[in-house]
Amino acid sequence: MAWTWRFEDAAGAEVAPSVVPEEFTTQGDAESWIGEVWKDLLEGGVEQVKLSDDNNTELYTMPLKPALEA
């Protein structure tokens, strides 16, 4: 199974990430990667991310801004 991130601005429009993602074979690998690069993505204009599996099933949406800054 493959896992992919969709990168969005605050309005939910897709944007190009400032850090190019690798291919993820597990959900845990995808989540570990986002944990390592989320600040770089946020600085590059990504406001939220969505994780999907290879069936295009969206698992969740996660904002990148800390709650106090939102």
Protein backbone atom coordinates (compact mmCIF):
# COMPACT_ATOMS: atom_id res chain seq x y z
CA MET A 1 0.00 0.00 0.00
CA ALA A 2 1.17 3.55 -0.69
CA TRP A 3 0.48 6.64 1.38
CA THR A 4 0.47 10.19 0.01
CA TRP A 5 0.17 13.70 1.36
CA ARG A 6 -1.86 16.46 -0.28
CA PHE A 7 -0.54 19.93 0.51
CA GLU A 8 -3.03 22.81 0.82
CA ASP A 9 -3.23 26.49 1.63
CA ALA A 10 -5.62 27.85 4.28
CA ALA A 11 -8.53 27.80 1.80
CA GLY A 12 -7.97 24.14 0.93
CA ALA A 13 -6.46 24.74 -2.52
CA GLU A 14 -3.65 22.39 -3.47
CA VAL A 15 -0.17 23.95 -3.40
CA ALA A 16 3.28 22.70 -4.33
CA PRO A 17 5.28 21.68 -1.25
CA SER A 18 8.60 23.36 -0.50
CA VAL A 19 9.95 19.93 0.51
CA VAL A 20 9.39 17.14 -2.01
CA PRO A 21 7.90 14.06 -0.34
CA GLU A 22 9.26 10.60 -0.86
CA GLU A 23 7.10 7.55 -1.52
CA PHE A 24 5.74 6.02 1.67
CA THR A 25 4.93 2.34 2.03
CA THR A 26 3.45 2.65 5.54
CA GLN A 27 1.26 5.17 7.28
CA GLY A 28 3.87 5.42 10.04
CA ASP A 29 6.60 6.39 7.55
CA ALA A 30 4.39 9.10 6.09
CA GLU A 31 3.54 10.46 9.53
CA SER A 32 7.20 10.38 10.65
CA TRP A 33 8.21 12.33 7.55
CA ILE A 34 5.58 15.04 8.12
CA GLY A 35 6.75 15.28 11.73
CA GLU A 36 10.27 16.03 10.50
CA VAL A 37 9.44 18.60 7.79
CA TRP A 38 6.20 20.31 8.85
CA LYS A 39 7.93 23.57 9.83
CA ASP A 40 9.65 23.79 6.43
CA LEU A 41 6.34 23.11 4.69
CA LEU A 42 4.59 25.79 6.76
CA GLU A 43 7.32 28.33 5.95
CA GLY A 44 6.90 27.41 2.26
CA GLY A 45 3.17 28.24 2.26
CA VAL A 46 1.52 24.93 3.14
CA GLU A 47 -1.15 25.50 5.80
CA GLN A 48 -2.62 22.00 6.06
CA VAL A 49 -2.01 18.47 4.82
CA LYS A 50 -4.24 15.51 4.03
CA LEU A 51 -3.10 11.90 4.24
CA SER A 52 -4.58 9.37 1.82
CA ASP A 53 -3.94 5.74 1.01
CA ASP A 54 -3.54 4.30 -2.48
CA ASN A 55 -7.30 3.80 -2.73
CA ASN A 56 -7.61 7.61 -2.46
CA THR A 57 -9.27 7.16 0.91
CA GLU A 58 -8.61 10.32 2.88
CA LEU A 59 -7.61 9.40 6.42
CA TYR A 60 -7.41 12.86 7.97
CA THR A 61 -6.64 16.53 7.49
CA MET A 62 -4.08 18.16 9.76
CA PRO A 63 -3.33 21.88 10.11
CA LEU A 64 0.36 22.74 10.31
CA LYS A 65 -0.02 25.94 12.33
CA PRO A 66 0.04 25.49 16.09
CA ALA A 67 -3.40 26.13 17.63
CA LEU A 68 -2.27 29.34 19.31
CA GLU A 69 -1.22 30.85 15.97
CA ALA A 70 -4.27 29.80 13.95
